[in-house]
N, C-alpha and C. Protein backbone atom coordinates (compact mmCIF):
# COMPACT_ATOMS: atom_id res chain seq x y z
N MET A 1 -33.80 23.22 51.73
CA MET A 1 -32.75 24.14 50.57
C MET A 1 -31.72 23.51 48.94
N GLU A 2 -30.89 22.70 51.05
CA GLU A 2 -29.43 22.20 50.06
C GLU A 2 -30.22 21.05 48.67
N LYS A 3 -31.66 20.99 49.06
CA LYS A 3 -31.59 19.63 47.37
C LYS A 3 -32.44 20.54 46.23
N ILE A 4 -33.11 22.13 46.98
CA ILE A 4 -33.10 23.11 45.96
C ILE A 4 -32.27 23.61 44.53
N PHE A 5 -31.00 23.17 45.06
CA PHE A 5 -29.00 24.45 44.76
C PHE A 5 -28.85 22.55 43.82
N ILE A 6 -29.37 21.15 44.36
CA ILE A 6 -28.28 21.04 44.12
C ILE A 6 -28.81 20.47 43.22
N ILE A 7 -30.25 20.65 42.75
CA ILE A 7 -31.22 20.48 41.13
C ILE A 7 -30.73 21.03 40.86
N LEU A 8 -30.92 22.13 40.75
CA LEU A 8 -30.64 23.38 39.98
C LEU A 8 -28.87 23.03 39.75
N GLY A 9 -28.07 23.20 40.34
CA GLY A 9 -26.84 23.03 39.80
C GLY A 9 -26.68 21.64 38.56
N LEU A 10 -27.28 20.34 39.17
CA LEU A 10 -27.73 19.06 37.81
C LEU A 10 -28.04 19.98 36.93
N ALA A 11 -29.23 20.99 37.35
CA ALA A 11 -29.97 21.02 36.01
C ALA A 11 -28.83 22.18 34.90
N GLY A 12 -28.49 22.75 35.58
CA GLY A 12 -27.66 23.56 34.03
C GLY A 12 -26.35 22.77 34.30
N GLN A 13 -25.37 21.99 34.57
CA GLN A 13 -24.61 21.10 34.15
C GLN A 13 -25.01 20.24 32.97
N LEU A 14 -26.36 19.89 33.43
CA LEU A 14 -27.25 18.87 32.54
C LEU A 14 -26.62 19.77 30.62
N MET A 15 -27.99 21.10 30.76
CA MET A 15 -27.70 22.14 29.99
C MET A 15 -26.93 22.08 29.88
N PHE A 16 -25.38 22.97 29.88
CA PHE A 16 -24.39 22.55 29.80
C PHE A 16 -23.67 21.10 28.78
N SER A 17 -23.95 20.65 29.85
CA SER A 17 -23.55 19.37 28.90
C SER A 17 -24.10 19.01 27.14
N ALA A 18 -25.25 19.43 27.27
CA ALA A 18 -26.63 19.11 26.44
C ALA A 18 -25.98 20.75 24.87
N ARG A 19 -24.92 21.29 25.07
CA ARG A 19 -24.88 21.99 24.22
C ARG A 19 -23.80 21.48 23.48
N PHE A 20 -22.59 20.04 23.37
CA PHE A 20 -22.14 19.72 22.72
C PHE A 20 -23.06 18.44 22.22
N LEU A 21 -24.07 18.03 22.99
CA LEU A 21 -24.55 17.67 22.08
C LEU A 21 -25.13 17.64 20.83
N VAL A 22 -26.02 19.07 20.61
CA VAL A 22 -26.34 20.18 20.25
C VAL A 22 -25.08 21.03 18.73
N GLN A 23 -24.60 20.54 19.10
CA GLN A 23 -23.11 20.61 18.19
C GLN A 23 -23.03 19.78 17.40
N TRP A 24 -22.79 18.69 18.17
CA TRP A 24 -22.49 17.54 17.17
C TRP A 24 -23.39 17.29 16.30
N ILE A 25 -24.85 16.92 16.49
CA ILE A 25 -25.73 17.25 15.43
C ILE A 25 -26.04 18.32 14.56
N ALA A 26 -25.28 19.84 14.83
CA ALA A 26 -26.07 19.83 13.33
C ALA A 26 -24.43 20.02 13.31
N SER A 27 -22.92 19.86 13.22
CA SER A 27 -21.90 19.23 12.61
C SER A 27 -21.82 17.81 11.63
N GLU A 28 -23.29 17.32 12.20
CA GLU A 28 -22.73 15.33 10.93
C GLU A 28 -23.57 16.31 10.69
N LYS A 29 -25.12 16.87 10.73
CA LYS A 29 -26.27 16.87 9.72
C LYS A 29 -25.56 18.38 8.12
N ARG A 30 -25.04 18.50 8.88
CA ARG A 30 -24.12 19.63 7.69
C ARG A 30 -22.50 19.30 7.16
N LYS A 31 -22.28 18.15 7.02
CA LYS A 31 -20.68 17.27 7.13
C LYS A 31 -19.66 18.30 7.76
N LYS A 32 -20.24 19.57 8.11
CA LYS A 32 -18.93 20.46 9.02
C LYS A 32 -19.14 20.70 10.00
N SER A 33 -18.56 21.30 10.82
CA SER A 33 -17.93 22.25 12.11
C SER A 33 -19.12 23.59 12.24
N ILE A 34 -19.90 23.33 12.53
CA ILE A 34 -20.87 23.84 13.28
C ILE A 34 -21.33 24.08 14.93
N VAL A 35 -21.34 25.27 14.70
CA VAL A 35 -21.65 26.41 16.62
C VAL A 35 -23.55 26.98 16.22
N PRO A 36 -24.52 26.10 16.61
CA PRO A 36 -25.46 26.82 15.79
C PRO A 36 -25.50 27.49 17.29
N ILE A 37 -26.55 28.65 17.04
CA ILE A 37 -27.41 29.47 18.02
C ILE A 37 -27.67 29.19 19.53
N SER A 38 -28.69 27.83 19.24
CA SER A 38 -29.05 26.89 20.24
C SER A 38 -27.39 26.84 21.06
N PHE A 39 -26.29 26.50 20.56
CA PHE A 39 -24.85 25.92 21.78
C PHE A 39 -24.63 27.02 22.23
N TRP A 40 -25.18 28.31 22.19
CA TRP A 40 -24.80 29.60 22.91
C TRP A 40 -25.64 30.12 23.43
N PHE A 41 -27.28 29.16 23.47
CA PHE A 41 -28.15 29.93 24.99
C PHE A 41 -28.08 28.66 25.87
N LEU A 42 -27.97 28.13 25.44
CA LEU A 42 -27.48 26.44 26.31
C LEU A 42 -26.07 26.83 27.22
N SER A 43 -25.35 27.13 26.15
CA SER A 43 -24.53 27.36 27.57
C SER A 43 -24.04 28.62 28.23
N LEU A 44 -24.67 29.77 27.83
CA LEU A 44 -25.62 30.82 28.76
C LEU A 44 -25.91 30.27 29.93
N PHE A 45 -27.53 29.99 29.55
CA PHE A 45 -28.51 29.08 30.92
C PHE A 45 -27.99 28.64 31.71
N GLY A 46 -27.40 27.31 31.17
CA GLY A 46 -26.20 25.94 32.12
C GLY A 46 -25.29 27.17 32.49
N SER A 47 -24.57 27.85 31.90
CA SER A 47 -23.51 28.11 33.13
C SER A 47 -24.54 29.39 33.80
N PHE A 48 -25.10 29.76 33.51
CA PHE A 48 -25.69 30.65 34.56
C PHE A 48 -26.81 29.68 35.51
N LEU A 49 -26.64 29.02 35.14
CA LEU A 49 -27.75 27.51 36.34
C LEU A 49 -26.67 27.23 37.52
N LEU A 50 -25.33 26.96 37.02
CA LEU A 50 -23.74 27.02 38.30
C LEU A 50 -23.16 27.96 38.61
N LEU A 51 -23.08 29.11 38.04
CA LEU A 51 -23.14 30.30 38.34
C LEU A 51 -23.79 30.47 39.84
N ILE A 52 -24.60 30.35 39.48
CA ILE A 52 -25.69 30.96 40.96
C ILE A 52 -25.67 28.90 41.83
N TYR A 53 -24.81 28.03 41.37
CA TYR A 53 -24.61 27.49 42.16
C TYR A 53 -23.65 27.01 43.38
N ALA A 54 -22.57 27.61 42.36
CA ALA A 54 -21.29 27.78 42.80
C ALA A 54 -21.00 29.21 43.68
N ILE A 55 -22.05 30.14 43.51
CA ILE A 55 -21.91 31.18 44.67
C ILE A 55 -22.19 30.63 45.63
N TYR A 56 -23.61 29.67 45.93
CA TYR A 56 -24.05 29.40 47.45
C TYR A 56 -22.68 28.49 47.50
N ARG A 57 -22.24 27.10 46.31
CA ARG A 57 -21.50 26.87 47.69
C ARG A 57 -20.12 27.58 47.99
N LYS A 58 -19.97 28.88 47.26
CA LYS A 58 -18.69 29.64 48.25
C LYS A 58 -17.57 29.19 47.47
N ASP A 59 -18.18 28.52 46.21
CA ASP A 59 -15.99 28.29 45.72
C ASP A 59 -16.49 29.50 44.68
N ILE A 60 -14.25 30.05 44.72
CA ILE A 60 -14.48 31.41 44.03
C ILE A 60 -14.00 30.52 43.13
N VAL A 61 -13.87 29.61 42.51
CA VAL A 61 -12.62 29.62 41.74
C VAL A 61 -13.74 28.89 40.25
N PHE A 62 -14.48 27.55 40.90
CA PHE A 62 -15.75 27.47 40.30
C PHE A 62 -16.62 28.64 40.13
N THR A 63 -16.97 29.72 40.88
CA THR A 63 -17.85 30.81 41.02
C THR A 63 -17.25 31.77 39.40
N LEU A 64 -15.88 32.62 39.33
CA LEU A 64 -14.87 32.94 38.21
C LEU A 64 -14.86 32.18 36.98
N GLY A 65 -14.78 30.42 36.89
CA GLY A 65 -14.25 30.19 35.93
C GLY A 65 -15.99 29.99 35.00
N GLN A 66 -17.46 30.26 35.67
CA GLN A 66 -18.22 30.64 35.27
C GLN A 66 -18.76 31.65 35.17
N LEU A 67 -18.49 32.58 35.43
CA LEU A 67 -18.49 34.02 35.33
C LEU A 67 -17.71 34.20 33.85
N PHE A 68 -16.44 34.18 33.79
CA PHE A 68 -16.01 33.76 32.72
C PHE A 68 -16.14 33.51 31.17
N GLY A 69 -16.94 32.16 31.14
CA GLY A 69 -18.07 31.68 30.02
C GLY A 69 -18.81 32.54 30.06
N PHE A 70 -19.48 32.94 30.87
CA PHE A 70 -20.11 33.93 30.74
C PHE A 70 -20.96 34.66 30.58
N ILE A 71 -19.50 35.93 30.15
CA ILE A 71 -19.54 36.30 29.43
C ILE A 71 -19.25 36.61 28.00
N VAL A 72 -18.74 35.87 27.99
CA VAL A 72 -18.48 34.95 26.69
C VAL A 72 -19.29 34.93 26.10
N TYR A 73 -20.21 33.82 26.09
CA TYR A 73 -21.78 33.37 25.83
C TYR A 73 -22.21 34.83 25.19
N ILE A 74 -22.43 35.65 25.77
CA ILE A 74 -23.17 36.74 25.75
C ILE A 74 -23.00 37.42 25.15
N ARG A 75 -20.85 38.05 24.55
CA ARG A 75 -20.40 37.94 23.45
C ARG A 75 -20.68 37.62 22.04
N ASN A 76 -21.42 36.30 22.55
CA ASN A 76 -20.97 35.81 21.33
C ASN A 76 -22.62 35.41 20.86
N LEU A 77 -23.77 35.42 21.73
CA LEU A 77 -25.02 36.23 21.15
C LEU A 77 -24.80 37.61 21.01
N LEU A 78 -23.89 38.04 21.16
CA LEU A 78 -24.41 40.09 20.90
C LEU A 78 -24.10 39.87 18.44
N ILE A 79 -22.82 39.34 18.95
CA ILE A 79 -21.67 39.20 17.35
C ILE A 79 -22.76 38.54 16.96
N ILE A 80 -23.45 37.52 16.51
CA ILE A 80 -24.56 36.94 16.23
C ILE A 80 -25.76 38.13 16.16
N LYS A 81 -26.05 38.21 17.18
CA LYS A 81 -27.25 39.02 16.99
C LYS A 81 -27.42 40.39 15.45
N ASN A 82 -25.54 40.67 15.71
CA ASN A 82 -25.52 41.87 14.63
C ASN A 82 -25.41 41.54 13.32
N THR A 83 -24.68 40.54 13.57
CA THR A 83 -23.98 40.45 12.30
C THR A 83 -25.40 39.73 10.95
N LYS A 84 -25.88 39.20 11.61
CA LYS A 84 -27.46 39.09 11.17
C LYS A 84 -27.97 40.14 10.75
N LYS A 85 -28.63 41.29 11.46
CA LYS A 85 -28.54 42.85 11.39
C LYS A 85 -27.88 42.96 10.54
N ILE A 86 -27.14 43.31 9.99
CA ILE A 86 -25.61 43.36 9.36
C ILE A 86 -26.84 43.45 8.12
N GLU A 87 -26.69 41.41 8.21
CA GLU A 87 -26.82 40.84 5.92
C GLU A 87 -28.15 40.71 5.77
N LYS A 88 -28.77 41.66 6.72
CA LYS A 88 -29.87 42.12 6.64
C LYS A 88 -29.68 43.43 5.65
N ASN A 89 -29.87 43.73 6.19
CA ASN A 89 -29.48 45.84 6.06
C ASN A 89 -28.19 45.39 4.61
N ILE A 90 -27.86 44.44 4.77
CA ILE A 90 -27.41 44.17 3.17
C ILE A 90 -28.45 43.25 1.79
N LYS A 91 -29.20 42.64 2.76
CA LYS A 91 -30.50 42.53 1.25
C LYS A 91 -31.27 42.81 1.49
N LYS A 92 -31.50 44.41 2.25
CA LYS A 92 -32.80 45.49 1.28
C LYS A 92 -31.35 45.92 0.88
N GLY A 93 -30.47 46.58 0.36
CA GLY A 93 -30.07 47.19 -0.72
C GLY A 93 -29.45 48.03 0.13
N LYS A 94 -29.53 48.39 2.39
CA LYS A 94 -28.83 49.83 2.95
C LYS A 94 -27.63 50.19 3.11
N LEU A 95 -26.78 48.87 2.32
CA LEU A 95 -25.62 48.42 3.30
C LEU A 95 -24.66 48.06 2.35
N LYS A 96 -23.77 47.14 1.53
CA LYS A 96 -23.06 46.78 0.63
C LYS A 96 -21.85 46.63 1.09
């Protein structure tokens, strides 16, 4: 069981770290700072796996850190979703 949680923790850390690479590549392509939606999904899923690992390790500091981030990532994804919905309605002429 220990090996499963170590693999889970490593996978979470890999996903969590990959988000910076994704953000860097997106910014380089556009020649300005960009935070693509994939950054937030990698943050969310990586944080989720790390949260599970932190709970398994019974590390309150690690758990609280991941839990707070988890809330921020979900909120950012909701903001993006709502913004896209508003932009879509503006294009359709439903909002001004």
